[in-house]
Amino acid sequence: MLRTLRRTLLRSRLRLTVRPLTAGAPDLPPTASDALGTEATATEAITYNRVRVATATALALYRSGHRLPLANDQLDDAVHALHFPYSVPSPATRAALRAALAVLEADPTINITR
């Protein structure tokens, strides 16, 4: 509860830009149970959900012009800004986020136009 209250009181340190939507909020990527089914192990589900959060967050950071290196607090703020339910960024989630952002930065075919 203290973590939720603290998150509510603190202002985000990062500014993320998002594309305008015509109606409603976009759906989040499917959860592990939706994507992998009920036969997935706990380890598979945790890994899938961790990478799901990291990939979506890395894409939002990249589109907003943020590049590596980023501090842990900045990565945490970005995850919270996307309102993933029950998401508490762990060291493994931050590592996956940095890896996804590094891939986006390294790919010469990706170009963000505004």
N, C-alpha and C. Protein backbone atom coordinates (compact mmCIF):
# COMPACT_ATOMS: atom_id res chain seq x y z
N MET A 1 0.81 -1.17 0.00
CA MET A 1 0.00 0.00 0.00
C MET A 1 0.87 1.26 0.00
N LEU A 2 1.95 1.22 0.76
CA LEU A 2 2.85 2.36 0.80
C LEU A 2 3.44 2.62 -0.58
N ARG A 3 3.79 1.57 -1.30
CA ARG A 3 4.35 1.71 -2.64
C ARG A 3 3.34 2.35 -3.58
N THR A 4 2.07 1.94 -3.48
CA THR A 4 1.02 2.52 -4.32
C THR A 4 0.81 3.99 -3.98
N LEU A 5 0.77 4.31 -2.71
CA LEU A 5 0.60 5.69 -2.28
C LEU A 5 1.78 6.55 -2.74
N ARG A 6 2.99 6.03 -2.59
CA ARG A 6 4.18 6.77 -3.00
C ARG A 6 4.16 7.03 -4.50
N ARG A 7 3.76 6.01 -5.27
CA ARG A 7 3.68 6.15 -6.71
C ARG A 7 2.66 7.21 -7.11
N THR A 8 1.56 7.29 -6.36
CA THR A 8 0.51 8.26 -6.65
C THR A 8 1.00 9.68 -6.36
N LEU A 9 1.78 9.84 -5.30
CA LEU A 9 2.23 11.16 -4.90
C LEU A 9 3.42 11.67 -5.72
N LEU A 10 4.25 10.77 -6.21
CA LEU A 10 5.42 11.18 -6.98
C LEU A 10 5.06 11.51 -8.41
N ARG A 11 5.65 12.54 -8.93
CA ARG A 11 5.45 12.88 -10.33
C ARG A 11 6.41 12.07 -11.19
N SER A 12 5.99 11.74 -12.36
CA SER A 12 6.83 10.97 -13.26
C SER A 12 8.03 11.80 -13.68
N ARG A 13 9.17 11.15 -13.79
CA ARG A 13 10.40 11.83 -14.19
C ARG A 13 10.61 11.78 -15.69
N LEU A 14 9.83 10.96 -16.36
CA LEU A 14 9.95 10.81 -17.81
C LEU A 14 8.69 11.29 -18.49
N ARG A 15 8.85 11.78 -19.67
CA ARG A 15 7.69 12.18 -20.46
C ARG A 15 7.59 11.21 -21.63
N LEU A 16 6.48 10.48 -21.68
CA LEU A 16 6.25 9.53 -22.76
C LEU A 16 5.20 10.09 -23.69
N THR A 17 5.48 10.05 -24.96
CA THR A 17 4.49 10.49 -25.93
C THR A 17 3.75 9.28 -26.46
N VAL A 18 2.49 9.46 -26.71
CA VAL A 18 1.68 8.37 -27.25
C VAL A 18 0.89 8.91 -28.42
N ARG A 19 0.52 8.01 -29.29
CA ARG A 19 -0.27 8.45 -30.44
C ARG A 19 -1.70 8.70 -30.00
N PRO A 20 -2.36 9.66 -30.63
CA PRO A 20 -3.75 9.94 -30.26
C PRO A 20 -4.66 8.77 -30.64
N LEU A 21 -5.62 8.52 -29.80
CA LEU A 21 -6.56 7.43 -30.05
C LEU A 21 -7.92 7.99 -30.42
N THR A 22 -8.59 7.30 -31.30
CA THR A 22 -9.90 7.78 -31.71
C THR A 22 -10.97 7.49 -30.65
N ALA A 23 -10.89 6.34 -30.02
CA ALA A 23 -11.89 6.01 -29.00
C ALA A 23 -11.31 5.03 -28.00
N GLY A 24 -11.38 5.36 -26.74
CA GLY A 24 -10.98 4.45 -25.69
C GLY A 24 -9.48 4.27 -25.58
N ALA A 25 -9.06 3.46 -24.63
CA ALA A 25 -7.65 3.16 -24.40
C ALA A 25 -7.27 1.90 -25.17
N PRO A 26 -6.02 1.82 -25.59
CA PRO A 26 -5.61 0.62 -26.32
C PRO A 26 -5.54 -0.58 -25.39
N ASP A 27 -5.74 -1.75 -25.95
CA ASP A 27 -5.59 -2.97 -25.17
C ASP A 27 -4.13 -3.20 -24.88
N LEU A 28 -3.85 -3.71 -23.69
CA LEU A 28 -2.48 -4.12 -23.38
C LEU A 28 -2.19 -5.42 -24.12
N PRO A 29 -0.91 -5.74 -24.32
CA PRO A 29 -0.61 -7.03 -24.94
C PRO A 29 -1.23 -8.16 -24.12
N PRO A 30 -1.54 -9.28 -24.77
CA PRO A 30 -2.20 -10.38 -24.03
C PRO A 30 -1.34 -10.89 -22.88
N THR A 31 -2.01 -11.30 -21.82
CA THR A 31 -1.30 -11.85 -20.66
C THR A 31 -0.81 -13.26 -21.01
N ALA A 32 0.00 -13.81 -20.12
CA ALA A 32 0.57 -15.14 -20.34
C ALA A 32 -0.52 -16.19 -20.50
N SER A 33 -1.56 -16.11 -19.68
CA SER A 33 -2.61 -17.13 -19.78
C SER A 33 -3.35 -17.04 -21.10
N ASP A 34 -3.49 -15.82 -21.64
CA ASP A 34 -4.15 -15.67 -22.94
C ASP A 34 -3.25 -16.11 -24.09
N ALA A 35 -1.97 -15.80 -24.01
CA ALA A 35 -1.04 -16.10 -25.10
C ALA A 35 -0.52 -17.53 -25.06
N LEU A 36 -0.26 -18.03 -23.87
CA LEU A 36 0.36 -19.35 -23.74
C LEU A 36 -0.63 -20.45 -23.36
N GLY A 37 -1.79 -20.07 -22.90
CA GLY A 37 -2.77 -21.07 -22.47
C GLY A 37 -2.54 -21.48 -21.03
N THR A 38 -3.35 -22.39 -20.58
CA THR A 38 -3.30 -22.81 -19.18
C THR A 38 -2.22 -23.85 -18.91
N GLU A 39 -1.59 -24.36 -19.95
CA GLU A 39 -0.56 -25.39 -19.76
C GLU A 39 0.83 -24.80 -19.52
N ALA A 40 0.96 -23.49 -19.56
CA ALA A 40 2.26 -22.85 -19.33
C ALA A 40 2.68 -23.03 -17.88
N THR A 41 3.97 -23.22 -17.68
CA THR A 41 4.48 -23.33 -16.32
C THR A 41 4.55 -21.94 -15.70
N ALA A 42 4.72 -21.91 -14.40
CA ALA A 42 4.83 -20.63 -13.70
C ALA A 42 6.04 -19.85 -14.20
N THR A 43 7.14 -20.51 -14.43
CA THR A 43 8.35 -19.84 -14.93
C THR A 43 8.11 -19.25 -16.30
N GLU A 44 7.45 -19.99 -17.18
CA GLU A 44 7.13 -19.47 -18.52
C GLU A 44 6.22 -18.26 -18.44
N ALA A 45 5.21 -18.33 -17.58
CA ALA A 45 4.27 -17.23 -17.45
C ALA A 45 4.95 -15.97 -16.90
N ILE A 46 5.79 -16.14 -15.90
CA ILE A 46 6.50 -15.00 -15.32
C ILE A 46 7.43 -14.38 -16.36
N THR A 47 8.16 -15.21 -17.07
CA THR A 47 9.07 -14.70 -18.10
C THR A 47 8.31 -14.00 -19.20
N TYR A 48 7.22 -14.57 -19.65
CA TYR A 48 6.41 -13.96 -20.71
C TYR A 48 5.89 -12.58 -20.25
N ASN A 49 5.31 -12.52 -19.07
CA ASN A 49 4.75 -11.25 -18.59
C ASN A 49 5.83 -10.20 -18.37
N ARG A 50 7.00 -10.63 -17.92
CA ARG A 50 8.12 -9.70 -17.73
C ARG A 50 8.55 -9.10 -19.06
N VAL A 51 8.69 -9.93 -20.07
CA VAL A 51 9.10 -9.46 -21.39
C VAL A 51 7.98 -8.64 -22.05
N ARG A 52 6.75 -8.99 -21.80
CA ARG A 52 5.59 -8.24 -22.31
C ARG A 52 5.64 -6.80 -21.82
N VAL A 53 5.86 -6.61 -20.53
CA VAL A 53 5.96 -5.27 -19.95
C VAL A 53 7.19 -4.55 -20.50
N ALA A 54 8.32 -5.26 -20.56
CA ALA A 54 9.57 -4.64 -21.01
C ALA A 54 9.49 -4.20 -22.47
N THR A 55 8.92 -5.01 -23.33
CA THR A 55 8.86 -4.67 -24.75
C THR A 55 7.96 -3.46 -25.00
N ALA A 56 6.79 -3.47 -24.40
CA ALA A 56 5.87 -2.34 -24.57
C ALA A 56 6.48 -1.05 -24.00
N THR A 57 7.15 -1.15 -22.87
CA THR A 57 7.76 0.02 -22.26
C THR A 57 8.94 0.52 -23.09
N ALA A 58 9.76 -0.40 -23.59
CA ALA A 58 10.91 -0.01 -24.43
C ALA A 58 10.43 0.70 -25.68
N LEU A 59 9.37 0.21 -26.28
CA LEU A 59 8.84 0.86 -27.48
C LEU A 59 8.34 2.27 -27.17
N ALA A 60 7.65 2.43 -26.05
CA ALA A 60 7.16 3.76 -25.65
C ALA A 60 8.33 4.70 -25.38
N LEU A 61 9.37 4.20 -24.70
CA LEU A 61 10.54 5.03 -24.44
C LEU A 61 11.22 5.44 -25.75
N TYR A 62 11.39 4.48 -26.65
CA TYR A 62 12.07 4.76 -27.92
C TYR A 62 11.30 5.78 -28.74
N ARG A 63 9.99 5.61 -28.80
CA ARG A 63 9.15 6.55 -29.55
C ARG A 63 9.16 7.94 -28.92
N SER A 64 9.43 8.01 -27.62
CA SER A 64 9.46 9.29 -26.92
C SER A 64 10.84 9.94 -26.97
N GLY A 65 11.80 9.29 -27.62
CA GLY A 65 13.13 9.87 -27.78
C GLY A 65 14.12 9.54 -26.68
N HIS A 66 13.79 8.65 -25.76
CA HIS A 66 14.70 8.28 -24.68
C HIS A 66 15.65 7.19 -25.17
N ARG A 67 16.91 7.31 -24.78
CA ARG A 67 17.93 6.35 -25.20
C ARG A 67 18.71 5.88 -23.97
N LEU A 68 19.37 4.75 -24.12
CA LEU A 68 20.22 4.22 -23.06
C LEU A 68 21.42 5.12 -22.88
N PRO A 69 21.99 5.21 -21.73
CA PRO A 69 21.62 4.55 -20.48
C PRO A 69 20.50 5.29 -19.76
N LEU A 70 19.67 4.54 -19.07
CA LEU A 70 18.59 5.10 -18.25
C LEU A 70 18.72 4.51 -16.84
N ALA A 71 18.47 5.33 -15.85
CA ALA A 71 18.55 4.88 -14.45
C ALA A 71 17.36 3.98 -14.12
N ASN A 72 17.53 3.18 -13.08
CA ASN A 72 16.45 2.29 -12.64
C ASN A 72 15.17 3.06 -12.34
N ASP A 73 15.28 4.22 -11.70
CA ASP A 73 14.10 5.03 -11.38
C ASP A 73 13.37 5.46 -12.64
N GLN A 74 14.11 5.81 -13.68
CA GLN A 74 13.50 6.22 -14.93
C GLN A 74 12.75 5.06 -15.58
N LEU A 75 13.33 3.87 -15.54
CA LEU A 75 12.67 2.70 -16.11
C LEU A 75 11.41 2.35 -15.31
N ASP A 76 11.50 2.44 -13.99
CA ASP A 76 10.34 2.18 -13.14
C ASP A 76 9.21 3.17 -13.45
N ASP A 77 9.57 4.44 -13.59
CA ASP A 77 8.57 5.46 -13.91
C ASP A 77 7.90 5.18 -15.24
N ALA A 78 8.67 4.74 -16.22
CA ALA A 78 8.11 4.44 -17.55
C ALA A 78 7.12 3.28 -17.47
N VAL A 79 7.47 2.24 -16.72
CA VAL A 79 6.57 1.09 -16.56
C VAL A 79 5.27 1.54 -15.89
N HIS A 80 5.39 2.34 -14.84
CA HIS A 80 4.21 2.81 -14.12
C HIS A 80 3.37 3.75 -14.99
N ALA A 81 4.01 4.52 -15.85
CA ALA A 81 3.28 5.46 -16.71
C ALA A 81 2.36 4.73 -17.69
N LEU A 82 2.72 3.50 -18.06
CA LEU A 82 1.90 2.73 -18.99
C LEU A 82 0.76 1.99 -18.30
N HIS A 83 0.69 2.08 -17.00
CA HIS A 83 -0.41 1.51 -16.21
C HIS A 83 -0.59 0.01 -16.40
N PHE A 84 0.52 -0.73 -16.39
CA PHE A 84 0.39 -2.18 -16.40
C PHE A 84 -0.11 -2.61 -15.02
N PRO A 85 -1.22 -3.34 -14.98
CA PRO A 85 -1.73 -3.74 -13.67
C PRO A 85 -0.78 -4.70 -12.97
N TYR A 86 -0.61 -4.52 -11.69
CA TYR A 86 0.20 -5.39 -10.83
C TYR A 86 1.67 -5.40 -11.21
N SER A 87 2.14 -4.41 -11.93
CA SER A 87 3.52 -4.44 -12.38
C SER A 87 4.43 -3.71 -11.40
N VAL A 88 5.34 -4.47 -10.82
CA VAL A 88 6.39 -3.92 -9.98
C VAL A 88 7.70 -4.30 -10.67
N PRO A 89 8.38 -3.34 -11.29
CA PRO A 89 9.58 -3.68 -12.06
C PRO A 89 10.66 -4.31 -11.20
N SER A 90 11.08 -5.48 -11.61
CA SER A 90 12.15 -6.20 -10.92
C SER A 90 13.46 -5.97 -11.67
N PRO A 91 14.58 -6.37 -11.09
CA PRO A 91 15.85 -6.27 -11.82
C PRO A 91 15.80 -7.03 -13.16
N ALA A 92 15.11 -8.16 -13.19
CA ALA A 92 15.01 -8.92 -14.44
C ALA A 92 14.16 -8.18 -15.47
N THR A 93 13.09 -7.50 -15.02
CA THR A 93 12.26 -6.72 -15.94
C THR A 93 13.06 -5.54 -16.49
N ARG A 94 13.83 -4.88 -15.63
CA ARG A 94 14.66 -3.77 -16.10
C ARG A 94 15.71 -4.24 -17.10
N ALA A 95 16.29 -5.42 -16.86
CA ALA A 95 17.27 -5.96 -17.80
C ALA A 95 16.62 -6.26 -19.15
N ALA A 96 15.43 -6.83 -19.13
CA ALA A 96 14.71 -7.12 -20.37
C ALA A 96 14.34 -5.82 -21.08
N LEU A 97 13.97 -4.79 -20.31
CA LEU A 97 13.63 -3.49 -20.89
C LEU A 97 14.86 -2.87 -21.57
N ARG A 98 16.00 -2.92 -20.89
CA ARG A 98 17.23 -2.38 -21.48
C ARG A 98 17.61 -3.15 -22.74
N ALA A 99 17.44 -4.46 -22.73
CA ALA A 99 17.76 -5.27 -23.91
C ALA A 99 16.86 -4.91 -25.08
N ALA A 100 15.56 -4.77 -24.82
CA ALA A 100 14.62 -4.42 -25.89
C ALA A 100 14.92 -3.02 -26.44
N LEU A 101 15.25 -2.10 -25.56
CA LEU A 101 15.58 -0.74 -26.00
C LEU A 101 16.88 -0.74 -26.80
N ALA A 102 17.85 -1.55 -26.40
CA ALA A 102 19.11 -1.64 -27.14
C ALA A 102 18.88 -2.20 -28.54
N VAL A 103 17.98 -3.16 -28.67
CA VAL A 103 17.67 -3.71 -30.00
C VAL A 103 17.04 -2.63 -30.88
N LEU A 104 16.11 -1.88 -30.33
CA LEU A 104 15.47 -0.80 -31.09
C LEU A 104 16.50 0.24 -31.53
N GLU A 105 17.43 0.58 -30.64
CA GLU A 105 18.45 1.57 -30.97
C GLU A 105 19.42 1.06 -32.02
N ALA A 106 19.70 -0.22 -32.00
CA ALA A 106 20.70 -0.79 -32.91
C ALA A 106 20.17 -1.08 -34.30
N ASP A 107 18.87 -1.20 -34.47
CA ASP A 107 18.31 -1.58 -35.76
C ASP A 107 18.28 -0.37 -36.70
N PRO A 108 19.04 -0.40 -37.79
CA PRO A 108 19.09 0.75 -38.69
C PRO A 108 17.82 0.92 -39.52
N THR A 109 16.95 -0.07 -39.52
CA THR A 109 15.72 0.03 -40.32
C THR A 109 14.58 0.72 -39.59
N ILE A 110 14.76 0.95 -38.28
CA ILE A 110 13.72 1.59 -37.49
C ILE A 110 13.95 3.09 -37.51
N ASN A 111 12.92 3.82 -37.92
CA ASN A 111 13.00 5.27 -37.98
C ASN A 111 11.71 5.83 -37.43
N ILE A 112 11.80 6.66 -36.43
CA ILE A 112 10.63 7.28 -35.83
C ILE A 112 10.48 8.66 -36.43
N THR A 113 9.35 8.90 -37.09
CA THR A 113 9.10 10.22 -37.66
C THR A 113 8.00 10.89 -36.86
N ARG A 114 8.07 12.19 -36.77
CA ARG A 114 7.07 12.92 -35.99
C ARG A 114 6.36 13.90 -36.85
